[in-house]
Amino acid sequence: MQWSGLQRSKTTQLPEERVGVFQSGRQIGSVPANFDPRTTPSKSVLYVLRDGEFARGAEGWIATASLGPGDLEAIAGFKWL
């Protein structure tokens, strides 16, 4: 694939920075470094991010204990450990 005279390699990957997500004192997954719970879309019509479900901590994002696996999986960019 050519872009502005530059050849793009199929193996070229941009660094994927991620931030940890913690729940009940342990890391359960991660989100992209640009994660913002106020603007991040849900991948499910059954779940919408609400204020207070995530708080920024020293090591990453802290998810409330009320968020279940389905809620977390609905968050765009969330990955389980």
Protein backbone atom coordinates (compact mmCIF):
# COMPACT_ATOMS: atom_id res chain seq x y z
CA MET A 1 0.00 0.00 0.00
CA GLN A 2 1.42 3.40 -0.97
CA TRP A 3 0.86 6.57 1.07
CA SER A 4 2.53 9.78 -0.06
CA GLY A 5 5.34 7.85 -1.63
CA LEU A 6 5.97 5.74 1.49
CA GLN A 7 5.65 1.99 1.54
CA ARG A 8 3.62 0.65 4.46
CA SER A 9 4.88 -2.67 5.79
CA LYS A 10 2.33 -5.31 6.76
CA THR A 11 4.30 -5.92 9.95
CA THR A 12 4.37 -2.31 11.09
CA GLN A 13 2.43 -1.88 14.33
CA LEU A 14 1.82 1.23 16.32
CA PRO A 15 2.56 0.93 20.03
CA GLU A 16 -0.58 0.06 21.93
CA GLU A 17 -0.48 1.81 25.28
CA ARG A 18 -2.98 0.51 27.80
CA VAL A 19 -3.98 1.41 31.34
CA GLY A 20 -4.95 -1.16 33.95
CA VAL A 21 -8.51 -1.59 35.20
CA PHE A 22 -8.85 -2.65 38.83
CA GLN A 23 -11.85 -4.02 40.69
CA SER A 24 -11.99 -5.14 44.32
CA GLY A 25 -8.25 -4.53 44.71
CA ARG A 26 -6.99 -6.61 41.77
CA GLN A 27 -6.29 -5.91 38.13
CA ILE A 28 -8.91 -7.47 35.90
CA GLY A 29 -8.12 -5.95 32.52
CA SER A 30 -7.05 -2.84 30.64
CA VAL A 31 -8.37 -0.02 28.49
CA PRO A 32 -6.67 2.21 25.91
CA ALA A 33 -4.55 5.04 27.33
CA ASN A 34 -7.07 7.58 25.97
CA PHE A 35 -10.02 5.94 27.81
CA ASP A 36 -12.47 8.50 29.18
CA PRO A 37 -15.57 7.04 30.88
CA ARG A 38 -17.53 10.21 30.05
CA THR A 39 -17.14 9.78 26.29
CA THR A 40 -16.27 6.12 25.66
CA PRO A 41 -19.07 4.37 23.75
CA SER A 42 -20.69 1.13 24.77
CA LYS A 43 -20.66 -1.81 22.38
CA SER A 44 -24.05 -2.93 23.73
CA VAL A 45 -27.49 -1.33 23.75
CA LEU A 46 -28.01 -3.03 27.12
CA TYR A 47 -25.28 -1.07 28.90
CA VAL A 48 -24.43 2.65 29.11
CA LEU A 49 -21.51 3.97 31.16
CA ARG A 50 -22.77 6.01 34.11
CA ASP A 51 -21.06 8.64 36.23
CA GLY A 52 -19.13 7.17 39.13
CA GLU A 53 -18.59 3.67 37.68
CA PHE A 54 -14.92 4.45 37.08
CA ALA A 55 -12.48 6.51 39.14
CA ARG A 56 -8.90 7.29 38.22
CA GLY A 57 -6.43 5.81 40.71
CA ALA A 58 -2.65 5.94 41.00
CA GLU A 59 -2.17 2.69 39.04
CA GLY A 60 -5.06 2.95 36.59
CA TRP A 61 -8.84 2.98 36.46
CA ILE A 62 -10.86 1.62 39.38
CA ALA A 63 -14.16 0.03 38.39
CA THR A 64 -16.99 -0.20 40.91
CA ALA A 65 -17.85 -3.65 42.24
CA SER A 66 -21.33 -3.31 40.72
CA LEU A 67 -19.92 -3.69 37.17
CA GLY A 68 -20.33 -7.27 36.03
CA PRO A 69 -18.48 -9.12 33.28
CA GLY A 70 -21.07 -8.22 30.65
CA ASP A 71 -20.87 -4.54 31.57
CA LEU A 72 -17.08 -4.53 31.30
CA GLU A 73 -17.12 -6.39 27.98
CA ALA A 74 -19.53 -3.77 26.60
CA ILE A 75 -16.96 -1.00 27.14
CA ALA A 76 -15.23 -0.19 23.87
CA GLY A 77 -11.53 -1.03 24.14
CA PHE A 78 -11.73 -3.09 27.35
CA LYS A 79 -9.59 -6.25 27.38
CA TRP A 80 -9.51 -8.92 30.07
CA LEU A 81 -6.15 -10.00 31.47
